[in-house]
């Protein structure tokens, strides 16, 4: 068992892994923007706790999603990717998902009512 599984549950179904998210978003290529010049977490900073993952993910919050009041954290042990969800409770389309690898580098941002940013 990976040590991170002890501090964050696995990704929720039906997207039970980072690979499933990536495969799914690739179907919407016209809506994907290269995150190279957008992501703020571009220097390796090994994540060792759920709290560190949250703090790094906060760097990536877009202005439209800054009013979140809930955070959920998941970890895909196969790809060593953290998923941090920021959202407003009971408001559909209010969320932003930030995917960060275990080295602290942002890999993907999905905004429920907006753009998708991705680095392969």
PDB file of N, CA and C in Angstrom:
ATOM      1  N   UNK A   1       0.842  -1.187   0.000  1.00  0.00           N
ATOM      2  CA  UNK A   1       0.000   0.000   0.000  1.00  0.00           C
ATOM      3  C   UNK A   1       0.882   1.244   0.000  1.00  0.00           C
ATOM      4  N   UNK A   2       0.535   2.180  -0.855  1.00  0.00           N
ATOM      5  CA  UNK A   2       1.266   3.444  -0.923  1.00  0.00           C
ATOM      6  C   UNK A   2       0.958   4.261   0.328  1.00  0.00           C
ATOM      7  N   UNK A   3       1.948   4.936   0.867  1.00  0.00           N
ATOM      8  CA  UNK A   3       1.755   5.722   2.091  1.00  0.00           C
ATOM      9  C   UNK A   3       0.671   6.781   1.942  1.00  0.00           C
ATOM     10  N   UNK A   4       0.472   7.321   0.727  1.00  0.00           N
ATOM     11  CA  UNK A   4      -0.536   8.354   0.526  1.00  0.00           C
ATOM     12  C   UNK A   4      -1.955   7.808   0.603  1.00  0.00           C
ATOM     13  N   UNK A   5      -2.146   6.509   0.390  1.00  0.00           N
ATOM     14  CA  UNK A   5      -3.468   5.920   0.511  1.00  0.00           C
ATOM     15  C   UNK A   5      -3.979   6.017   1.943  1.00  0.00           C
ATOM     16  N   UNK A   6      -3.076   6.165   2.876  1.00  0.00           N
ATOM     17  CA  UNK A   6      -3.468   6.276   4.270  1.00  0.00           C
ATOM     18  C   UNK A   6      -4.031   7.649   4.607  1.00  0.00           C
ATOM     19  N   UNK A   7      -3.763   8.647   3.772  1.00  0.00           N
ATOM     20  CA  UNK A   7      -4.187  10.003   4.099  1.00  0.00           C
ATOM     21  C   UNK A   7      -5.220  10.575   3.133  1.00  0.00           C
ATOM     22  N   UNK A   8      -5.510   9.894   2.029  1.00  0.00           N
ATOM     23  CA  UNK A   8      -6.530  10.349   1.086  1.00  0.00           C
ATOM     24  C   UNK A   8      -7.119   9.131   0.378  1.00  0.00           C
ATOM     25  N   UNK A   9      -8.431   9.107   0.223  1.00  0.00           N
ATOM     26  CA  UNK A   9      -9.048   7.966  -0.465  1.00  0.00           C
ATOM     27  C   UNK A   9      -8.722   7.968  -1.952  1.00  0.00           C
ATOM     28  N   UNK A  10      -8.933   6.829  -2.626  1.00  0.00           N
ATOM     29  CA  UNK A  10      -8.712   6.785  -4.083  1.00  0.00           C
ATOM     30  C   UNK A  10      -9.733   7.650  -4.817  1.00  0.00           C
ATOM     31  N   UNK A  11      -9.465   7.927  -6.089  1.00  0.00           N
ATOM     32  CA  UNK A  11     -10.366   8.748  -6.899  1.00  0.00           C
ATOM     33  C   UNK A  11     -11.781   8.154  -6.860  1.00  0.00           C
ATOM     34  N   UNK A  12     -12.796   9.013  -6.865  1.00  0.00           N
ATOM     35  CA  UNK A  12     -14.176   8.525  -6.856  1.00  0.00           C
ATOM     36  C   UNK A  12     -14.567   7.934  -8.204  1.00  0.00           C
ATOM     37  N   UNK A  13     -15.494   7.004  -8.194  1.00  0.00           N
ATOM     38  CA  UNK A  13     -16.033   6.435  -9.435  1.00  0.00           C
ATOM     39  C   UNK A  13     -16.941   7.480 -10.067  1.00  0.00           C
ATOM     40  N   UNK A  14     -17.193   7.473 -11.375  1.00  0.00           N
ATOM     41  CA  UNK A  14     -16.728   6.506 -12.362  1.00  0.00           C
ATOM     42  C   UNK A  14     -15.322   6.783 -12.870  1.00  0.00           C
ATOM     43  N   UNK A  15     -14.763   7.936 -12.555  1.00  0.00           N
ATOM     44  CA  UNK A  15     -13.407   8.262 -12.999  1.00  0.00           C
ATOM     45  C   UNK A  15     -12.436   7.781 -11.930  1.00  0.00           C
ATOM     46  N   UNK A  16     -12.231   6.508 -11.851  1.00  0.00           N
ATOM     47  CA  UNK A  16     -11.504   5.919 -10.732  1.00  0.00           C
ATOM     48  C   UNK A  16      -9.991   6.082 -10.806  1.00  0.00           C
ATOM     49  N   UNK A  17      -9.495   6.762 -11.842  1.00  0.00           N
ATOM     50  CA  UNK A  17      -8.052   6.977 -11.943  1.00  0.00           C
ATOM     51  C   UNK A  17      -7.771   8.229 -12.772  1.00  0.00           C
ATOM     52  N   UNK A  18      -6.571   8.739 -12.630  1.00  0.00           N
ATOM     53  CA  UNK A  18      -6.142   9.894 -13.416  1.00  0.00           C
ATOM     54  C   UNK A  18      -6.200   9.563 -14.905  1.00  0.00           C
ATOM     55  N   UNK A  19      -5.777   8.370 -15.262  1.00  0.00           N
ATOM     56  CA  UNK A  19      -5.805   7.945 -16.666  1.00  0.00           C
ATOM     57  C   UNK A  19      -7.225   8.044 -17.229  1.00  0.00           C
ATOM     58  N   UNK A  20      -8.224   7.653 -16.460  1.00  0.00           N
ATOM     59  CA  UNK A  20      -9.610   7.746 -16.925  1.00  0.00           C
ATOM     60  C   UNK A  20     -10.015   9.201 -17.169  1.00  0.00           C
ATOM     61  N   UNK A  21      -9.592  10.111 -16.296  1.00  0.00           N
ATOM     62  CA  UNK A  21      -9.879  11.533 -16.511  1.00  0.00           C
ATOM     63  C   UNK A  21      -9.228  12.013 -17.806  1.00  0.00           C
ATOM     64  N   UNK A  22      -7.957  11.681 -17.984  1.00  0.00           N
ATOM     65  CA  UNK A  22      -7.230  12.135 -19.173  1.00  0.00           C
ATOM     66  C   UNK A  22      -7.861  11.565 -20.436  1.00  0.00           C
ATOM     67  N   UNK A  23      -8.171  10.272 -20.436  1.00  0.00           N
ATOM     68  CA  UNK A  23      -8.811   9.662 -21.604  1.00  0.00           C
ATOM     69  C   UNK A  23     -10.141  10.336 -21.905  1.00  0.00           C
ATOM     70  N   UNK A  24     -10.885  10.684 -20.864  1.00  0.00           N
ATOM     71  CA  UNK A  24     -12.186  11.317 -21.041  1.00  0.00           C
ATOM     72  C   UNK A  24     -12.064  12.715 -21.627  1.00  0.00           C
ATOM     73  N   UNK A  25     -11.147  13.529 -21.099  1.00  0.00           N
ATOM     74  CA  UNK A  25     -11.048  14.911 -21.592  1.00  0.00           C
ATOM     75  C   UNK A  25     -10.468  14.989 -22.991  1.00  0.00           C
ATOM     76  N   UNK A  26      -9.679  14.015 -23.379  1.00  0.00           N
ATOM     77  CA  UNK A  26      -9.101  14.044 -24.731  1.00  0.00           C
ATOM     78  C   UNK A  26     -10.180  13.979 -25.805  1.00  0.00           C
ATOM     79  N   UNK A  27     -11.361  13.510 -25.440  1.00  0.00           N
ATOM     80  CA  UNK A  27     -12.484  13.467 -26.387  1.00  0.00           C
ATOM     81  C   UNK A  27     -12.975  14.883 -26.706  1.00  0.00           C
ATOM     82  N   UNK A  28     -12.614  15.842 -25.859  1.00  0.00           N
ATOM     83  CA  UNK A  28     -13.075  17.216 -26.013  1.00  0.00           C
ATOM     84  C   UNK A  28     -11.909  18.135 -26.350  1.00  0.00           C
ATOM     85  N   UNK A  29     -11.085  17.704 -27.269  1.00  0.00           N
ATOM     86  CA  UNK A  29      -9.859  18.417 -27.620  1.00  0.00           C
ATOM     87  C   UNK A  29     -10.013  19.893 -27.889  1.00  0.00           C
ATOM     88  N   UNK A  30     -11.129  20.306 -28.479  1.00  0.00           N
ATOM     89  CA  UNK A  30     -11.338  21.722 -28.791  1.00  0.00           C
ATOM     90  C   UNK A  30     -11.473  22.581 -27.542  1.00  0.00           C
ATOM     91  N   UNK A  31     -11.763  21.957 -26.420  1.00  0.00           N
ATOM     92  CA  UNK A  31     -11.977  22.695 -25.178  1.00  0.00           C
ATOM     93  C   UNK A  31     -10.757  22.665 -24.260  1.00  0.00           C
ATOM     94  N   UNK A  32      -9.692  22.025 -24.706  1.00  0.00           N
ATOM     95  CA  UNK A  32      -8.505  21.878 -23.875  1.00  0.00           C
ATOM     96  C   UNK A  32      -7.485  22.953 -24.232  1.00  0.00           C
ATOM     97  N   UNK A  33      -6.949  23.605 -23.218  1.00  0.00           N
ATOM     98  CA  UNK A  33      -5.921  24.623 -23.392  1.00  0.00           C
ATOM     99  C   UNK A  33      -4.636  24.116 -22.763  1.00  0.00           C
ATOM    100  N   UNK A  34      -3.524  24.315 -23.440  1.00  0.00           N
ATOM    101  CA  UNK A  34      -2.231  23.923 -22.888  1.00  0.00           C
ATOM    102  C   UNK A  34      -1.970  24.719 -21.616  1.00  0.00           C
ATOM    103  N   UNK A  35      -1.692  24.014 -20.532  1.00  0.00           N
ATOM    104  CA  UNK A  35      -1.487  24.671 -19.249  1.00  0.00           C
ATOM    105  C   UNK A  35      -0.077  25.158 -18.989  1.00  0.00           C
ATOM    106  N   UNK A  36       0.821  24.970 -19.950  1.00  0.00           N
ATOM    107  CA  UNK A  36       2.234  25.299 -19.749  1.00  0.00           C
ATOM    108  C   UNK A  36       2.441  26.713 -19.211  1.00  0.00           C
ATOM    109  N   UNK A  37       1.760  27.689 -19.761  1.00  0.00           N
ATOM    110  CA  UNK A  37       1.953  29.084 -19.342  1.00  0.00           C
ATOM    111  C   UNK A  37       0.921  29.554 -18.324  1.00  0.00           C
ATOM    112  N   UNK A  38       0.096  28.641 -17.855  1.00  0.00           N
ATOM    113  CA  UNK A  38      -0.974  28.992 -16.927  1.00  0.00           C
ATOM    114  C   UNK A  38      -0.697  28.447 -15.530  1.00  0.00           C
ATOM    115  N   UNK A  39      -0.191  27.231 -15.460  1.00  0.00           N
ATOM    116  CA  UNK A  39       0.022  26.580 -14.169  1.00  0.00           C
ATOM    117  C   UNK A  39       1.076  27.317 -13.351  1.00  0.00           C
ATOM    118  N   UNK A  40       0.837  27.389 -12.066  1.00  0.00           N
ATOM    119  CA  UNK A  40       1.762  28.058 -11.157  1.00  0.00           C
ATOM    120  C   UNK A  40       2.725  27.086 -10.475  1.00  0.00           C
ATOM    121  N   UNK A  41       2.292  25.840 -10.307  1.00  0.00           N
ATOM    122  CA  UNK A  41       3.143  24.832  -9.674  1.00  0.00           C
ATOM    123  C   UNK A  41       4.017  24.185 -10.751  1.00  0.00           C
ATOM    124  N   UNK A  42       5.157  24.819 -11.011  1.00  0.00           N
ATOM    125  CA  UNK A  42       6.029  24.348 -12.094  1.00  0.00           C
ATOM    126  C   UNK A  42       7.414  23.939 -11.596  1.00  0.00           C
ATOM    127  N   UNK A  43       7.615  24.016 -10.292  1.00  0.00           N
ATOM    128  CA  UNK A  43       8.876  23.601  -9.686  1.00  0.00           C
ATOM    129  C   UNK A  43       8.587  22.412  -8.779  1.00  0.00           C
ATOM    130  N   UNK A  44       9.407  21.370  -8.891  1.00  0.00           N
ATOM    131  CA  UNK A  44       9.167  20.178  -8.076  1.00  0.00           C
ATOM    132  C   UNK A  44       9.212  20.497  -6.596  1.00  0.00           C
ATOM    133  N   UNK A  45       8.220  19.977  -5.888  1.00  0.00           N
ATOM    134  CA  UNK A  45       8.080  20.187  -4.451  1.00  0.00           C
ATOM    135  C   UNK A  45       7.327  18.966  -3.918  1.00  0.00           C
ATOM    136  N   UNK A  46       8.037  17.931  -3.552  1.00  0.00           N
ATOM    137  CA  UNK A  46       7.457  16.638  -3.177  1.00  0.00           C
ATOM    138  C   UNK A  46       6.327  16.797  -2.156  1.00  0.00           C
ATOM    139  N   UNK A  47       5.176  16.216  -2.467  1.00  0.00           N
ATOM    140  CA  UNK A  47       4.023  16.261  -1.579  1.00  0.00           C
ATOM    141  C   UNK A  47       4.073  15.058  -0.647  1.00  0.00           C
ATOM    142  N   UNK A  48       3.993  15.316   0.649  1.00  0.00           N
ATOM    143  CA  UNK A  48       4.042  14.234   1.630  1.00  0.00           C
ATOM    144  C   UNK A  48       2.787  14.155   2.495  1.00  0.00           C
ATOM    145  N   UNK A  49       1.828  15.061   2.254  1.00  0.00           N
ATOM    146  CA  UNK A  49       0.601  15.027   3.043  1.00  0.00           C
ATOM    147  C   UNK A  49      -0.566  15.635   2.265  1.00  0.00           C
ATOM    148  N   UNK A  50      -1.742  15.308   2.720  1.00  0.00           N
ATOM    149  CA  UNK A  50      -2.966  15.863   2.146  1.00  0.00           C
ATOM    150  C   UNK A  50      -2.948  17.394   2.258  1.00  0.00           C
ATOM    151  N   UNK A  51      -2.496  17.902   3.371  1.00  0.00           N
ATOM    152  CA  UNK A  51      -2.446  19.345   3.597  1.00  0.00           C
ATOM    153  C   UNK A  51      -1.519  20.041   2.602  1.00  0.00           C
ATOM    154  N   UNK A  52      -0.387  19.422   2.309  1.00  0.00           N
ATOM    155  CA  UNK A  52       0.530  19.991   1.313  1.00  0.00           C
ATOM    156  C   UNK A  52      -0.105  19.999  -0.072  1.00  0.00           C
ATOM    157  N   UNK A  53      -0.831  18.936  -0.396  1.00  0.00           N
ATOM    158  CA  UNK A  53      -1.519  18.881  -1.696  1.00  0.00           C
ATOM    159  C   UNK A  53      -2.538  20.006  -1.808  1.00  0.00           C
ATOM    160  N   UNK A  54      -3.294  20.239  -0.745  1.00  0.00           N
ATOM    161  CA  UNK A  54      -4.295  21.308  -0.744  1.00  0.00           C
ATOM    162  C   UNK A  54      -3.627  22.671  -0.916  1.00  0.00           C
ATOM    163  N   UNK A  55      -2.571  22.923  -0.168  1.00  0.00           N
ATOM    164  CA  UNK A  55      -1.897  24.223  -0.248  1.00  0.00           C
ATOM    165  C   UNK A  55      -1.347  24.486  -1.648  1.00  0.00           C
ATOM    166  N   UNK A  56      -0.756  23.477  -2.274  1.00  0.00           N
ATOM    167  CA  UNK A  56      -0.263  23.659  -3.646  1.00  0.00           C
ATOM    168  C   UNK A  56      -1.417  23.888  -4.613  1.00  0.00           C
ATOM    169  N   UNK A  57      -2.493  23.134  -4.443  1.00  0.00           N
ATOM    170  CA  UNK A  57      -3.640  23.272  -5.339  1.00  0.00           C
ATOM    171  C   UNK A  57      -4.264  24.663  -5.226  1.00  0.00           C
ATOM    172  N   UNK A  58      -4.228  25.258  -4.054  1.00  0.00           N
ATOM    173  CA  UNK A  58      -4.775  26.606  -3.878  1.00  0.00           C
ATOM    174  C   UNK A  58      -4.080  27.618  -4.784  1.00  0.00           C
ATOM    175  N   UNK A  59      -2.812  27.362  -5.139  1.00  0.00           N
ATOM    176  CA  UNK A  59      -2.106  28.244  -6.070  1.00  0.00           C
ATOM    177  C   UNK A  59      -2.785  28.308  -7.427  1.00  0.00           C
ATOM    178  N   UNK A  60      -3.530  27.266  -7.752  1.00  0.00           N
ATOM    179  CA  UNK A  60      -4.116  27.140  -9.091  1.00  0.00           C
ATOM    180  C   UNK A  60      -5.580  27.573  -9.162  1.00  0.00           C
ATOM    181  N   UNK A  61      -6.144  28.049  -8.065  1.00  0.00           N
ATOM    182  CA  UNK A  61      -7.550  28.456  -8.069  1.00  0.00           C
ATOM    183  C   UNK A  61      -7.730  29.659  -8.993  1.00  0.00           C
ATOM    184  N   UNK A  62      -8.641  29.525  -9.938  1.00  0.00           N
ATOM    185  CA  UNK A  62      -8.962  30.622 -10.840  1.00  0.00           C
ATOM    186  C   UNK A  62      -9.936  31.573 -10.142  1.00  0.00           C
ATOM    187  N   UNK A  63      -9.915  32.812 -10.527  1.00  0.00           N
ATOM    188  CA  UNK A  63     -10.721  33.850  -9.875  1.00  0.00           C
ATOM    189  C   UNK A  63     -12.201  33.477  -9.783  1.00  0.00           C
ATOM    190  N   UNK A  64     -12.737  32.873 -10.828  1.00  0.00           N
ATOM    191  CA  UNK A  64     -14.159  32.514 -10.851  1.00  0.00           C
ATOM    192  C   UNK A  64     -14.527  31.476  -9.794  1.00  0.00           C
ATOM    193  N   UNK A  65     -13.534  30.798  -9.235  1.00  0.00           N
ATOM    194  CA  UNK A  65     -13.804  29.718  -8.288  1.00  0.00           C
ATOM    195  C   UNK A  65     -13.261  30.017  -6.891  1.00  0.00           C
ATOM    196  N   UNK A  66     -12.899  31.247  -6.651  1.00  0.00           N
ATOM    197  CA  UNK A  66     -12.259  31.625  -5.385  1.00  0.00           C
ATOM    198  C   UNK A  66     -13.216  31.603  -4.190  1.00  0.00           C
ATOM    199  N   UNK A  67     -14.506  31.519  -4.435  1.00  0.00           N
ATOM    200  CA  UNK A  67     -15.482  31.536  -3.346  1.00  0.00           C
ATOM    201  C   UNK A  67     -15.868  30.142  -2.853  1.00  0.00           C
ATOM    202  N   UNK A  68     -15.026  29.146  -3.082  1.00  0.00           N
ATOM    203  CA  UNK A  68     -15.344  27.781  -2.656  1.00  0.00           C
ATOM    204  C   UNK A  68     -15.495  27.718  -1.137  1.00  0.00           C
ATOM    205  N   UNK A  69     -16.306  26.767  -0.666  1.00  0.00           N
ATOM    206  CA  UNK A  69     -16.420  26.559   0.775  1.00  0.00           C
ATOM    207  C   UNK A  69     -16.223  25.091   1.164  1.00  0.00           C
ATOM    208  N   UNK A  70     -15.918  24.265   0.183  1.00  0.00           N
ATOM    209  CA  UNK A  70     -15.668  22.845   0.433  1.00  0.00           C
ATOM    210  C   UNK A  70     -14.441  22.393  -0.358  1.00  0.00           C
ATOM    211  N   UNK A  71     -13.704  21.461   0.219  1.00  0.00           N
ATOM    212  CA  UNK A  71     -12.545  20.867  -0.444  1.00  0.00           C
ATOM    213  C   UNK A  71     -12.610  19.356  -0.221  1.00  0.00           C
ATOM    214  N   UNK A  72     -12.402  18.597  -1.294  1.00  0.00           N
ATOM    215  CA  UNK A  72     -12.279  17.139  -1.199  1.00  0.00           C
ATOM    216  C   UNK A  72     -10.951  16.752  -1.821  1.00  0.00           C
ATOM    217  N   UNK A  73     -10.288  15.766  -1.230  1.00  0.00           N
ATOM    218  CA  UNK A  73      -8.968  15.349  -1.702  1.00  0.00           C
ATOM    219  C   UNK A  73      -8.970  13.848  -1.949  1.00  0.00           C
ATOM    220  N   UNK A  74      -8.391  13.456  -3.093  1.00  0.00           N
ATOM    221  CA  UNK A  74      -8.276  12.042  -3.460  1.00  0.00           C
ATOM    222  C   UNK A  74      -6.860  11.791  -3.965  1.00  0.00           C
ATOM    223  N   UNK A  75      -6.475  10.516  -3.994  1.00  0.00           N
ATOM    224  CA  UNK A  75      -5.138  10.161  -4.469  1.00  0.00           C
ATOM    225  C   UNK A  75      -5.208   8.908  -5.313  1.00  0.00           C
ATOM    226  N   UNK A  76      -4.610   8.965  -6.520  1.00  0.00           N
ATOM    227  CA  UNK A  76      -4.497   7.801  -7.404  1.00  0.00           C
ATOM    228  C   UNK A  76      -3.102   7.229  -7.212  1.00  0.00           C
ATOM    229  N   UNK A  77      -3.011   6.111  -6.502  1.00  0.00           N
ATOM    230  CA  UNK A  77      -1.703   5.543  -6.179  1.00  0.00           C
ATOM    231  C   UNK A  77      -0.988   4.987  -7.404  1.00  0.00           C
ATOM    232  N   UNK A  78      -1.733   4.581  -8.419  1.00  0.00           N
ATOM    233  CA  UNK A  78      -1.106   4.039  -9.634  1.00  0.00           C
ATOM    234  C   UNK A  78      -0.308   5.113 -10.373  1.00  0.00           C
ATOM    235  N   UNK A  79      -0.891   6.286 -10.546  1.00  0.00           N
ATOM    236  CA  UNK A  79      -0.214   7.362 -11.278  1.00  0.00           C
ATOM    237  C   UNK A  79       0.433   8.379 -10.341  1.00  0.00           C
ATOM    238  N   UNK A  80       0.226   8.220  -9.041  1.00  0.00           N
ATOM    239  CA  UNK A  80       0.734   9.155  -8.034  1.00  0.00           C
ATOM    240  C   UNK A  80       0.296  10.587  -8.316  1.00  0.00           C
ATOM    241  N   UNK A  81      -1.013  10.715  -8.555  1.00  0.00           N
ATOM    242  CA  UNK A  81      -1.630  12.007  -8.828  1.00  0.00           C
ATOM    243  C   UNK A  81      -2.654  12.314  -7.740  1.00  0.00           C
ATOM    244  N   UNK A  82      -2.586  13.533  -7.220  1.00  0.00           N
ATOM    245  CA  UNK A  82      -3.566  14.031  -6.263  1.00  0.00           C
ATOM    246  C   UNK A  82      -4.664  14.749  -7.029  1.00  0.00           C
ATOM    247  N   UNK A  83      -5.910  14.573  -6.595  1.00  0.00           N
ATOM    248  CA  UNK A  83      -7.054  15.311  -7.120  1.00  0.00           C
ATOM    249  C   UNK A  83      -7.619  16.130  -5.966  1.00  0.00           C
ATOM    250  N   UNK A  84      -7.628  17.432  -6.129  1.00  0.00           N
ATOM    251  CA  UNK A  84      -8.171  18.323  -5.107  1.00  0.00           C
ATOM    252  C   UNK A  84      -9.341  19.069  -5.736  1.00  0.00           C
ATOM    253  N   UNK A  85     -10.519  18.882  -5.156  1.00  0.00           N
ATOM    254  CA  UNK A  85     -11.738  19.515  -5.650  1.00  0.00           C
ATOM    255  C   UNK A  85     -12.086  20.703  -4.761  1.00  0.00           C
ATOM    256  N   UNK A  86     -12.280  21.848  -5.372  1.00  0.00           N
ATOM    257  CA  UNK A  86     -12.742  23.052  -4.679  1.00  0.00           C
ATOM    258  C   UNK A  86     -14.134  23.349  -5.210  1.00  0.00           C
ATOM    259  N   UNK A  87     -15.115  23.534  -4.328  1.00  0.00           N
ATOM    260  CA  UNK A  87     -16.476  23.763  -4.798  1.00  0.00           C
ATOM    261  C   UNK A  87     -17.306  24.469  -3.734  1.00  0.00           C
ATOM    262  N   UNK A  88     -18.454  24.983  -4.174  1.00  0.00           N
ATOM    263  CA  UNK A  88     -19.422  25.589  -3.271  1.00  0.00           C
ATOM    264  C   UNK A  88     -20.502  24.538  -3.033  1.00  0.00           C
ATOM    265  N   UNK A  89     -20.730  24.244  -1.778  1.00  0.00           N
ATOM    266  CA  UNK A  89     -21.707  23.226  -1.413  1.00  0.00           C
ATOM    267  C   UNK A  89     -23.079  23.556  -1.987  1.00  0.00           C
ATOM    268  N   UNK A  90     -23.697  22.545  -2.589  1.00  0.00           N
ATOM    269  CA  UNK A  90     -25.065  22.635  -3.116  1.00  0.00           C
ATOM    270  C   UNK A  90     -25.240  23.549  -4.322  1.00  0.00           C
ATOM    271  N   UNK A  91     -24.148  23.923  -5.003  1.00  0.00           N
ATOM    272  CA  UNK A  91     -24.268  24.740  -6.214  1.00  0.00           C
ATOM    273  C   UNK A  91     -23.609  23.988  -7.368  1.00  0.00           C
ATOM    274  N   UNK A  92     -24.420  23.501  -8.277  1.00  0.00           N
ATOM    275  CA  UNK A  92     -23.945  22.763  -9.434  1.00  0.00           C
ATOM    276  C   UNK A  92     -23.090  23.654 -10.328  1.00  0.00           C
ATOM    277  N   UNK A  93     -21.975  23.133 -10.820  1.00  0.00           N
ATOM    278  CA  UNK A  93     -21.107  23.889 -11.711  1.00  0.00           C
ATOM    279  C   UNK A  93     -20.199  24.876 -11.012  1.00  0.00           C
ATOM    280  N   UNK A  94     -20.066  24.728  -9.699  1.00  0.00           N
ATOM    281  CA  UNK A  94     -19.273  25.698  -8.936  1.00  0.00           C
ATOM    282  C   UNK A  94     -17.859  25.213  -8.664  1.00  0.00           C
ATOM    283  N   UNK A  95     -17.481  24.082  -9.246  1.00  0.00           N
ATOM    284  CA  UNK A  95     -16.223  23.471  -8.842  1.00  0.00           C
ATOM    285  C   UNK A  95     -15.069  23.596  -9.808  1.00  0.00           C
ATOM    286  N   UNK A  96     -13.903  23.459  -9.222  1.00  0.00           N
ATOM    287  CA  UNK A  96     -12.659  23.392  -9.984  1.00  0.00           C
ATOM    288  C   UNK A  96     -11.872  22.210  -9.439  1.00  0.00           C
ATOM    289  N   UNK A  97     -11.391  21.351 -10.336  1.00  0.00           N
ATOM    290  CA  UNK A  97     -10.585  20.195  -9.966  1.00  0.00           C
ATOM    291  C   UNK A  97      -9.146  20.465 -10.362  1.00  0.00           C
ATOM    292  N   UNK A  98      -8.224  20.254  -9.417  1.00  0.00           N
ATOM    293  CA  UNK A  98      -6.807  20.450  -9.670  1.00  0.00           C
ATOM    294  C   UNK A  98      -6.107  19.112  -9.470  1.00  0.00           C
ATOM    295  N   UNK A  99      -5.357  18.700 -10.475  1.00  0.00           N
ATOM    296  CA  UNK A  99      -4.622  17.443 -10.431  1.00  0.00           C
ATOM    297  C   UNK A  99      -3.136  17.773 -10.334  1.00  0.00           C
ATOM    298  N   UNK A 100      -2.493  17.274  -9.290  1.00  0.00           N
ATOM    299  CA  UNK A 100      -1.079  17.556  -9.044  1.00  0.00           C
ATOM    300  C   UNK A 100      -0.356  16.237  -8.831  1.00  0.00           C
ATOM    301  N   UNK A 101       0.803  16.078  -9.482  1.00  0.00           N
ATOM    302  CA  UNK A 101       1.553  14.839  -9.272  1.00  0.00           C
ATOM    303  C   UNK A 101       2.280  14.892  -7.931  1.00  0.00           C
ATOM    304  N   UNK A 102       2.833  13.768  -7.520  1.00  0.00           N
ATOM    305  CA  UNK A 102       3.481  13.673  -6.207  1.00  0.00           C
ATOM    306  C   UNK A 102       4.715  14.543  -6.081  1.00  0.00           C
ATOM    307  N   UNK A 103       5.207  15.045  -7.214  1.00  0.00           N
ATOM    308  CA  UNK A 103       6.337  15.972  -7.189  1.00  0.00           C
ATOM    309  C   UNK A 103       5.879  17.426  -7.087  1.00  0.00           C
ATOM    310  N   UNK A 104       4.577  17.638  -6.925  1.00  0.00           N
ATOM    311  CA  UNK A 104       4.052  18.977  -6.737  1.00  0.00           C
ATOM    312  C   UNK A 104       3.804  19.755  -8.014  1.00  0.00           C
ATOM    313  N   UNK A 105       3.838  19.084  -9.161  1.00  0.00           N
ATOM    314  CA  UNK A 105       3.626  19.755 -10.454  1.00  0.00           C
ATOM    315  C   UNK A 105       2.172  19.604 -10.883  1.00  0.00           C
ATOM    316  N   UNK A 106       1.542  20.708 -11.235  1.00  0.00           N
ATOM    317  CA  UNK A 106       0.165  20.665 -11.715  1.00  0.00           C
ATOM    318  C   UNK A 106       0.142  20.010 -13.085  1.00  0.00           C
ATOM    319  N   UNK A 107      -0.788  19.061 -13.266  1.00  0.00           N
ATOM    320  CA  UNK A 107      -0.898  18.327 -14.526  1.00  0.00           C
ATOM    321  C   UNK A 107      -2.188  18.671 -15.285  1.00  0.00           C
ATOM    322  N   UNK A 108      -3.244  19.005 -14.538  1.00  0.00           N
ATOM    323  CA  UNK A 108      -4.551  19.193 -15.167  1.00  0.00           C
ATOM    324  C   UNK A 108      -5.425  20.042 -14.254  1.00  0.00           C
ATOM    325  N   UNK A 109      -6.185  20.948 -14.859  1.00  0.00           N
ATOM    326  CA  UNK A 109      -7.219  21.704 -14.148  1.00  0.00           C
ATOM    327  C   UNK A 109      -8.496  21.581 -14.962  1.00  0.00           C
ATOM    328  N   UNK A 110      -9.571  21.196 -14.289  1.00  0.00           N
ATOM    329  CA  UNK A 110     -10.877  21.120 -14.938  1.00  0.00           C
ATOM    330  C   UNK A 110     -11.817  22.052 -14.184  1.00  0.00           C
ATOM    331  N   UNK A 111     -12.397  22.986 -14.904  1.00  0.00           N
ATOM    332  CA  UNK A 111     -13.380  23.897 -14.329  1.00  0.00           C
ATOM    333  C   UNK A 111     -14.752  23.421 -14.784  1.00  0.00           C
ATOM    334  N   UNK A 112     -15.650  23.183 -13.840  1.00  0.00           N
ATOM    335  CA  UNK A 112     -16.952  22.608 -14.190  1.00  0.00           C
ATOM    336  C   UNK A 112     -17.736  23.444 -15.176  1.00  0.00           C
ATOM    337  N   UNK A 113     -17.562  24.737 -15.129  1.00  0.00           N
ATOM    338  CA  UNK A 113     -18.329  25.594 -16.052  1.00  0.00           C
ATOM    339  C   UNK A 113     -17.383  26.421 -16.912  1.00  0.00           C
ATOM    340  N   UNK A 114     -16.248  25.847 -17.249  1.00  0.00           N
ATOM    341  CA  UNK A 114     -15.291  26.636 -18.008  1.00  0.00           C
ATOM    342  C   UNK A 114     -14.213  25.792 -18.638  1.00  0.00           C
ATOM    343  N   UNK A 115     -13.021  26.328 -18.725  1.00  0.00           N
ATOM    344  CA  UNK A 115     -11.938  25.706 -19.500  1.00  0.00           C
ATOM    345  C   UNK A 115     -11.313  24.501 -18.818  1.00  0.00           C
ATOM    346  N   UNK A 116     -10.562  23.757 -19.630  1.00  0.00           N
ATOM    347  CA  UNK A 116      -9.735  22.638 -19.175  1.00  0.00           C
ATOM    348  C   UNK A 116      -8.308  22.974 -19.551  1.00  0.00           C
ATOM    349  N   UNK A 117      -7.407  22.903 -18.587  1.00  0.00           N
ATOM    350  CA  UNK A 117      -5.979  23.148 -18.825  1.00  0.00           C
ATOM    351  C   UNK A 117      -5.237  21.861 -18.568  1.00  0.00           C
ATOM    352  N   UNK A 118      -4.293  21.534 -19.446  1.00  0.00           N
ATOM    353  CA  UNK A 118      -3.670  20.203 -19.395  1.00  0.00           C
ATOM    354  C   UNK A 118      -2.225  20.253 -19.875  1.00  0.00           C
ATOM    355  N   UNK A 119      -1.372  19.476 -19.216  1.00  0.00           N
ATOM    356  CA  UNK A 119      -0.012  19.233 -19.686  1.00  0.00           C
ATOM    357  C   UNK A 119       0.161  17.722 -19.737  1.00  0.00           C
ATOM    358  N   UNK A 120       0.541  17.223 -20.889  1.00  0.00           N
ATOM    359  CA  UNK A 120       0.704  15.780 -21.047  1.00  0.00           C
ATOM    360  C   UNK A 120       2.016  15.312 -20.509  1.00  0.00           C
TER     361      UNK A 120
END
